Amino acid sequence: MKVTVDLNKCTGQGRCYNIATDIFEAGPDKKSVITVALIDDEDTALQLQAQSAEMMCPEAAISIED
């Protein structure tokens, strides 16, 4: 699974790095920074974090590819 963030859409509300603390962190401008871009198929905990962040992003800036 690959996680990406469209920084043109991201407004830095912080939901992703509050929900998925193992995948995202706040950058200096409060926009999302990905710390884990590729998630193994067996790592269901990280997959769930990524999916939750994608669903909760108000700008739809987070994308997940299988």
C-alpha atoms as a PDB file:
ATOM      1  CA  MET A   1       0.000   0.000   0.000  1.00  0.00           C
ATOM      2  CA  LYS A   2       1.341   3.446  -0.949  1.00  0.00           C
ATOM      3  CA  VAL A   3       0.275   6.618   0.880  1.00  0.00           C
ATOM      4  CA  THR A   4       0.523  10.063  -0.718  1.00  0.00           C
ATOM      5  CA  VAL A   5      -0.521  13.596   0.220  1.00  0.00           C
ATOM      6  CA  ASP A   6      -1.441  16.326  -2.244  1.00  0.00           C
ATOM      7  CA  LEU A   7       0.134  19.369  -0.584  1.00  0.00           C
ATOM      8  CA  ASN A   8      -1.816  21.675  -2.908  1.00  0.00           C
ATOM      9  CA  LYS A   9      -5.027  20.432  -1.238  1.00  0.00           C
ATOM     10  CA  CYS A  10      -3.670  20.081   2.309  1.00  0.00           C
ATOM     11  CA  THR A  11      -4.510  23.049   4.570  1.00  0.00           C
ATOM     12  CA  GLY A  12      -2.754  21.744   7.691  1.00  0.00           C
ATOM     13  CA  GLN A  13      -5.785  20.945   9.827  1.00  0.00           C
ATOM     14  CA  GLY A  14      -3.850  18.052  11.376  1.00  0.00           C
ATOM     15  CA  ARG A  15      -6.424  15.297  11.382  1.00  0.00           C
ATOM     16  CA  CYS A  16      -4.083  12.904   9.584  1.00  0.00           C
ATOM     17  CA  TYR A  17      -1.188  13.261  12.007  1.00  0.00           C
ATOM     18  CA  ASN A  18      -3.544  13.123  14.986  1.00  0.00           C
ATOM     19  CA  ILE A  19      -5.209   9.929  13.704  1.00  0.00           C
ATOM     20  CA  ALA A  20      -2.261   8.192  12.050  1.00  0.00           C
ATOM     21  CA  THR A  21       0.647   9.097  14.312  1.00  0.00           C
ATOM     22  CA  ASP A  22       2.842   6.335  12.887  1.00  0.00           C
ATOM     23  CA  ILE A  23       2.451   7.577   9.292  1.00  0.00           C
ATOM     24  CA  PHE A  24       2.203  11.375   9.361  1.00  0.00           C
ATOM     25  CA  GLU A  25       3.680  14.286  11.244  1.00  0.00           C
ATOM     26  CA  ALA A  26       3.248  18.052  11.054  1.00  0.00           C
ATOM     27  CA  GLY A  27       5.620  19.979   8.859  1.00  0.00           C
ATOM     28  CA  PRO A  28       6.870  23.478   9.699  1.00  0.00           C
ATOM     29  CA  ASP A  29       3.840  24.930   7.893  1.00  0.00           C
ATOM     30  CA  LYS A  30       1.521  22.466   9.731  1.00  0.00           C
ATOM     31  CA  LYS A  31       0.903  20.596   6.468  1.00  0.00           C
ATOM     32  CA  SER A  32       1.196  16.835   6.505  1.00  0.00           C
ATOM     33  CA  VAL A  33       4.557  15.114   6.140  1.00  0.00           C
ATOM     34  CA  ILE A  34       4.565  11.383   5.424  1.00  0.00           C
ATOM     35  CA  THR A  35       6.964   9.392   7.577  1.00  0.00           C
ATOM     36  CA  VAL A  36       5.915   5.972   6.214  1.00  0.00           C
ATOM     37  CA  ALA A  37       4.951   6.034   2.522  1.00  0.00           C
ATOM     38  CA  LEU A  38       4.919   2.281   1.866  1.00  0.00           C
ATOM     39  CA  ILE A  39       2.980  -0.071   4.123  1.00  0.00           C
ATOM     40  CA  ASP A  40       3.445  -3.850   4.019  1.00  0.00           C
ATOM     41  CA  ASP A  41       0.415  -6.006   3.235  1.00  0.00           C
ATOM     42  CA  GLU A  42       0.782  -7.733   6.615  1.00  0.00           C
ATOM     43  CA  ASP A  43       0.846  -4.508   8.662  1.00  0.00           C
ATOM     44  CA  THR A  44      -2.877  -4.169   9.296  1.00  0.00           C
ATOM     45  CA  ALA A  45      -2.408  -1.609  12.091  1.00  0.00           C
ATOM     46  CA  LEU A  46      -0.686   0.857   9.758  1.00  0.00           C
ATOM     47  CA  GLN A  47      -3.165   0.099   6.984  1.00  0.00           C
ATOM     48  CA  LEU A  48      -6.031   0.990   9.321  1.00  0.00           C
ATOM     49  CA  GLN A  49      -4.320   4.227  10.345  1.00  0.00           C
ATOM     50  CA  ALA A  50      -3.801   5.209   6.712  1.00  0.00           C
ATOM     51  CA  GLN A  51      -7.376   4.385   5.736  1.00  0.00           C
ATOM     52  CA  SER A  52      -8.746   6.333   8.701  1.00  0.00           C
ATOM     53  CA  ALA A  53      -6.633   9.369   7.841  1.00  0.00           C
ATOM     54  CA  GLU A  54      -7.760   9.206   4.225  1.00  0.00           C
ATOM     55  CA  MET A  55     -11.422   9.087   5.256  1.00  0.00           C
ATOM     56  CA  MET A  56     -11.101  11.905   7.809  1.00  0.00           C
ATOM     57  CA  CYS A  57      -9.167  14.371   5.652  1.00  0.00           C
ATOM     58  CA  PRO A  58     -11.609  17.242   4.959  1.00  0.00           C
ATOM     59  CA  GLU A  59      -9.718  18.272   1.812  1.00  0.00           C
ATOM     60  CA  ALA A  60      -9.379  14.732   0.411  1.00  0.00           C
ATOM     61  CA  ALA A  61      -5.631  15.364   0.173  1.00  0.00           C
ATOM     62  CA  ILE A  62      -4.611  11.833   1.199  1.00  0.00           C
ATOM     63  CA  SER A  63      -4.580   9.008  -1.350  1.00  0.00           C
ATOM     64  CA  ILE A  64      -3.940   5.312  -0.885  1.00  0.00           C
ATOM     65  CA  GLU A  65      -2.950   2.931  -3.661  1.00  0.00           C
ATOM     66  CA  ASP A  66      -2.967  -0.838  -3.194  1.00  0.00           C
END
